[in-house]
Amino acid sequence: MALKTVPFDIVAELDNEEDIQEYFRQVMADGDADEIVDALGVIARARGMTRIAEETGLGRESLYKALSPGALPRFDTILKVTRALGLKLTVASA
């Protein structure tokens, strides 16, 4: 009998505010821009992409595209998304 596997999707694991914040904290600590954009997309999917699109004033398809792997979203898009997600970007000494 062949073993059937399914791809892991972290969205299912981000079902509460503490997990979302810790996930984003870890991604930010790594400092990889592609991972940060991907994490924002993951969190937006966990919270509901339609709701985030409405709160940012961006189209849902545009939001998916901006937060897809390899995308280079504008900084104002990142700010809109983080605000809509209830996340805060802060600056601290390294």
N, C-alpha and C. Protein backbone atom coordinates (compact mmCIF):
# COMPACT_ATOMS: atom_id res chain seq x y z
N MET A 1 0.84 -1.18 0.00
CA MET A 1 0.00 0.00 0.00
C MET A 1 0.89 1.25 0.00
N ALA A 2 0.64 2.14 -0.91
CA ALA A 2 1.43 3.35 -1.03
C ALA A 2 1.05 4.34 0.06
N LEU A 3 2.04 5.03 0.55
CA LEU A 3 1.83 6.05 1.58
C LEU A 3 1.39 7.34 0.90
N LYS A 4 0.27 7.87 1.35
CA LYS A 4 -0.24 9.11 0.78
C LYS A 4 0.15 10.26 1.71
N THR A 5 0.77 11.28 1.14
CA THR A 5 1.14 12.45 1.93
C THR A 5 0.41 13.67 1.40
N VAL A 6 0.28 14.64 2.26
CA VAL A 6 -0.32 15.91 1.86
C VAL A 6 0.66 17.02 2.22
N PRO A 7 0.70 18.06 1.42
CA PRO A 7 1.61 19.17 1.73
C PRO A 7 1.22 19.84 3.05
N PHE A 8 2.23 20.25 3.80
CA PHE A 8 1.99 20.95 5.05
C PHE A 8 1.61 22.40 4.75
N ASP A 9 0.56 22.88 5.36
CA ASP A 9 0.14 24.27 5.22
C ASP A 9 0.00 24.86 6.61
N ILE A 10 0.88 25.77 6.95
CA ILE A 10 0.90 26.34 8.30
C ILE A 10 -0.35 27.15 8.62
N VAL A 11 -1.11 27.53 7.61
CA VAL A 11 -2.33 28.32 7.83
C VAL A 11 -3.23 27.63 8.85
N ALA A 12 -3.34 26.32 8.77
CA ALA A 12 -4.22 25.58 9.68
C ALA A 12 -3.74 25.67 11.13
N GLU A 13 -2.45 25.93 11.31
CA GLU A 13 -1.89 26.00 12.67
C GLU A 13 -2.02 27.39 13.29
N LEU A 14 -2.30 28.38 12.47
CA LEU A 14 -2.38 29.76 12.96
C LEU A 14 -3.83 30.12 13.28
N ASP A 15 -4.32 29.51 14.35
CA ASP A 15 -5.74 29.69 14.69
C ASP A 15 -5.97 30.57 15.91
N ASN A 16 -4.89 31.19 16.41
CA ASN A 16 -5.08 32.14 17.51
C ASN A 16 -4.02 33.23 17.43
N GLU A 17 -4.30 34.32 18.10
CA GLU A 17 -3.45 35.51 18.02
C GLU A 17 -2.02 35.26 18.50
N GLU A 18 -1.86 34.49 19.54
CA GLU A 18 -0.52 34.22 20.07
C GLU A 18 0.33 33.46 19.06
N ASP A 19 -0.25 32.47 18.41
CA ASP A 19 0.50 31.70 17.41
C ASP A 19 0.88 32.57 16.21
N ILE A 20 -0.04 33.42 15.79
CA ILE A 20 0.23 34.32 14.66
C ILE A 20 1.37 35.27 15.00
N GLN A 21 1.31 35.86 16.17
CA GLN A 21 2.35 36.80 16.58
C GLN A 21 3.70 36.11 16.71
N GLU A 22 3.74 34.93 17.29
CA GLU A 22 5.00 34.20 17.44
C GLU A 22 5.57 33.79 16.09
N TYR A 23 4.71 33.34 15.20
CA TYR A 23 5.15 32.98 13.85
C TYR A 23 5.78 34.19 13.17
N PHE A 24 5.12 35.34 13.21
CA PHE A 24 5.65 36.53 12.56
C PHE A 24 6.93 37.01 13.24
N ARG A 25 6.99 36.92 14.56
CA ARG A 25 8.20 37.30 15.30
C ARG A 25 9.40 36.47 14.84
N GLN A 26 9.19 35.17 14.68
CA GLN A 26 10.28 34.28 14.26
C GLN A 26 10.73 34.60 12.83
N VAL A 27 9.78 34.85 11.96
CA VAL A 27 10.13 35.18 10.58
C VAL A 27 10.88 36.50 10.53
N MET A 28 10.43 37.50 11.28
CA MET A 28 11.12 38.79 11.31
C MET A 28 12.52 38.65 11.88
N ALA A 29 12.70 37.79 12.87
CA ALA A 29 14.02 37.58 13.47
C ALA A 29 15.00 37.01 12.45
N ASP A 30 14.52 36.18 11.55
CA ASP A 30 15.39 35.63 10.51
C ASP A 30 15.81 36.71 9.54
N GLY A 31 14.94 37.69 9.28
CA GLY A 31 15.29 38.83 8.46
C GLY A 31 15.32 38.61 6.96
N ASP A 32 14.78 37.51 6.48
CA ASP A 32 14.75 37.25 5.04
C ASP A 32 13.52 37.90 4.43
N ALA A 33 13.72 38.82 3.49
CA ALA A 33 12.61 39.58 2.92
C ALA A 33 11.57 38.69 2.25
N ASP A 34 12.01 37.67 1.51
CA ASP A 34 11.06 36.77 0.85
C ASP A 34 10.21 36.03 1.87
N GLU A 35 10.84 35.61 2.98
CA GLU A 35 10.09 34.90 4.02
C GLU A 35 9.09 35.83 4.71
N ILE A 36 9.46 37.09 4.86
CA ILE A 36 8.55 38.04 5.50
C ILE A 36 7.31 38.25 4.63
N VAL A 37 7.52 38.43 3.34
CA VAL A 37 6.38 38.60 2.42
C VAL A 37 5.52 37.35 2.42
N ASP A 38 6.16 36.19 2.38
CA ASP A 38 5.41 34.93 2.41
C ASP A 38 4.62 34.80 3.71
N ALA A 39 5.24 35.15 4.84
CA ALA A 39 4.55 35.06 6.13
C ALA A 39 3.34 35.97 6.18
N LEU A 40 3.44 37.17 5.61
CA LEU A 40 2.29 38.06 5.58
C LEU A 40 1.16 37.44 4.76
N GLY A 41 1.50 36.76 3.67
CA GLY A 41 0.50 36.07 2.87
C GLY A 41 -0.15 34.92 3.63
N VAL A 42 0.66 34.18 4.37
CA VAL A 42 0.15 33.07 5.17
C VAL A 42 -0.81 33.58 6.24
N ILE A 43 -0.39 34.64 6.93
CA ILE A 43 -1.24 35.20 7.99
C ILE A 43 -2.52 35.78 7.40
N ALA A 44 -2.42 36.43 6.25
CA ALA A 44 -3.62 36.98 5.59
C ALA A 44 -4.58 35.86 5.22
N ARG A 45 -4.06 34.73 4.73
CA ARG A 45 -4.93 33.60 4.42
C ARG A 45 -5.56 33.04 5.68
N ALA A 46 -4.81 33.01 6.78
CA ALA A 46 -5.34 32.49 8.05
C ALA A 46 -6.46 33.39 8.57
N ARG A 47 -6.34 34.68 8.35
CA ARG A 47 -7.34 35.63 8.84
C ARG A 47 -8.48 35.83 7.85
N GLY A 48 -8.26 35.49 6.60
CA GLY A 48 -9.28 35.69 5.57
C GLY A 48 -8.84 36.74 4.58
N MET A 49 -8.41 36.29 3.41
CA MET A 49 -7.86 37.20 2.41
C MET A 49 -8.88 38.24 1.96
N THR A 50 -10.14 37.87 1.87
CA THR A 50 -11.17 38.83 1.45
C THR A 50 -11.28 39.97 2.45
N ARG A 51 -11.28 39.64 3.72
CA ARG A 51 -11.37 40.67 4.77
C ARG A 51 -10.15 41.59 4.74
N ILE A 52 -8.96 41.01 4.57
CA ILE A 52 -7.73 41.81 4.54
C ILE A 52 -7.73 42.70 3.29
N ALA A 53 -8.20 42.18 2.18
CA ALA A 53 -8.28 42.98 0.96
C ALA A 53 -9.20 44.18 1.17
N GLU A 54 -10.33 43.96 1.81
CA GLU A 54 -11.26 45.06 2.07
C GLU A 54 -10.63 46.10 2.99
N GLU A 55 -9.94 45.66 4.03
CA GLU A 55 -9.34 46.59 4.99
C GLU A 55 -8.18 47.38 4.41
N THR A 56 -7.47 46.79 3.45
CA THR A 56 -6.33 47.48 2.84
C THR A 56 -6.75 48.34 1.66
N GLY A 57 -7.92 48.08 1.11
CA GLY A 57 -8.35 48.78 -0.09
C GLY A 57 -7.74 48.21 -1.36
N LEU A 58 -7.12 47.04 -1.23
CA LEU A 58 -6.52 46.36 -2.39
C LEU A 58 -7.46 45.27 -2.88
N GLY A 59 -7.41 44.97 -4.14
CA GLY A 59 -8.18 43.86 -4.67
C GLY A 59 -7.65 42.54 -4.15
N ARG A 60 -8.53 41.58 -3.96
CA ARG A 60 -8.12 40.28 -3.44
C ARG A 60 -7.05 39.63 -4.32
N GLU A 61 -7.26 39.65 -5.63
CA GLU A 61 -6.28 39.05 -6.54
C GLU A 61 -4.95 39.81 -6.48
N SER A 62 -5.02 41.13 -6.38
CA SER A 62 -3.80 41.93 -6.27
C SER A 62 -3.04 41.59 -4.99
N LEU A 63 -3.79 41.36 -3.93
CA LEU A 63 -3.18 41.02 -2.65
C LEU A 63 -2.51 39.65 -2.72
N TYR A 64 -3.19 38.67 -3.32
CA TYR A 64 -2.57 37.35 -3.51
C TYR A 64 -1.28 37.48 -4.30
N LYS A 65 -1.31 38.28 -5.36
CA LYS A 65 -0.14 38.46 -6.22
C LYS A 65 0.99 39.15 -5.45
N ALA A 66 0.67 40.20 -4.70
CA ALA A 66 1.68 40.95 -3.96
C ALA A 66 2.35 40.12 -2.87
N LEU A 67 1.62 39.14 -2.33
CA LEU A 67 2.15 38.33 -1.23
C LEU A 67 2.55 36.93 -1.66
N SER A 68 2.71 36.72 -2.95
CA SER A 68 3.09 35.40 -3.46
C SER A 68 4.62 35.26 -3.45
N PRO A 69 5.12 34.03 -3.45
CA PRO A 69 6.57 33.81 -3.47
C PRO A 69 7.23 34.53 -4.65
N GLY A 70 8.32 35.21 -4.36
CA GLY A 70 9.06 35.91 -5.40
C GLY A 70 8.55 37.31 -5.70
N ALA A 71 7.43 37.69 -5.09
CA ALA A 71 6.87 39.03 -5.33
C ALA A 71 7.73 40.08 -4.65
N LEU A 72 7.69 41.27 -5.20
CA LEU A 72 8.40 42.40 -4.61
C LEU A 72 7.38 43.52 -4.36
N PRO A 73 6.56 43.36 -3.30
CA PRO A 73 5.51 44.36 -3.06
C PRO A 73 6.11 45.70 -2.64
N ARG A 74 5.38 46.75 -2.93
CA ARG A 74 5.79 48.09 -2.49
C ARG A 74 5.71 48.15 -0.97
N PHE A 75 6.51 49.04 -0.39
CA PHE A 75 6.52 49.15 1.06
C PHE A 75 5.17 49.61 1.59
N ASP A 76 4.49 50.49 0.87
CA ASP A 76 3.18 50.93 1.34
C ASP A 76 2.19 49.77 1.38
N THR A 77 2.35 48.80 0.48
CA THR A 77 1.50 47.60 0.51
C THR A 77 1.78 46.80 1.77
N ILE A 78 3.07 46.64 2.09
CA ILE A 78 3.46 45.92 3.32
C ILE A 78 2.86 46.61 4.54
N LEU A 79 2.94 47.93 4.59
CA LEU A 79 2.39 48.66 5.73
C LEU A 79 0.88 48.49 5.83
N LYS A 80 0.18 48.57 4.71
CA LYS A 80 -1.28 48.38 4.72
C LYS A 80 -1.64 46.99 5.23
N VAL A 81 -0.91 45.98 4.75
CA VAL A 81 -1.21 44.60 5.14
C VAL A 81 -0.91 44.38 6.61
N THR A 82 0.24 44.85 7.09
CA THR A 82 0.57 44.65 8.51
C THR A 82 -0.46 45.33 9.41
N ARG A 83 -0.90 46.52 9.03
CA ARG A 83 -1.92 47.22 9.83
C ARG A 83 -3.24 46.44 9.82
N ALA A 84 -3.64 45.97 8.65
CA ALA A 84 -4.88 45.21 8.55
C ALA A 84 -4.82 43.91 9.34
N LEU A 85 -3.61 43.36 9.46
CA LEU A 85 -3.44 42.11 10.21
C LEU A 85 -3.29 42.37 11.70
N GLY A 86 -3.21 43.63 12.09
CA GLY A 86 -3.05 43.96 13.50
C GLY A 86 -1.62 43.73 13.97
N LEU A 87 -0.68 43.73 13.04
CA LEU A 87 0.73 43.55 13.38
C LEU A 87 1.42 44.90 13.33
N LYS A 88 2.51 45.01 14.06
CA LYS A 88 3.24 46.27 14.12
C LYS A 88 4.70 46.02 13.80
N LEU A 89 5.23 46.80 12.88
CA LEU A 89 6.66 46.74 12.59
C LEU A 89 7.35 47.74 13.49
N THR A 90 8.40 47.29 14.19
CA THR A 90 9.12 48.18 15.09
C THR A 90 10.62 48.13 14.76
N VAL A 91 11.32 49.12 15.25
CA VAL A 91 12.76 49.20 15.04
C VAL A 91 13.45 49.07 16.39
N ALA A 92 14.50 48.26 16.43
CA ALA A 92 15.28 48.10 17.65
C ALA A 92 16.75 47.94 17.27
N SER A 93 17.63 48.25 18.17
CA SER A 93 19.06 48.07 17.92
C SER A 93 19.37 46.59 17.82
N ALA A 94 20.30 46.26 16.94
CA ALA A 94 20.65 44.85 16.75
C ALA A 94 21.55 44.34 17.82
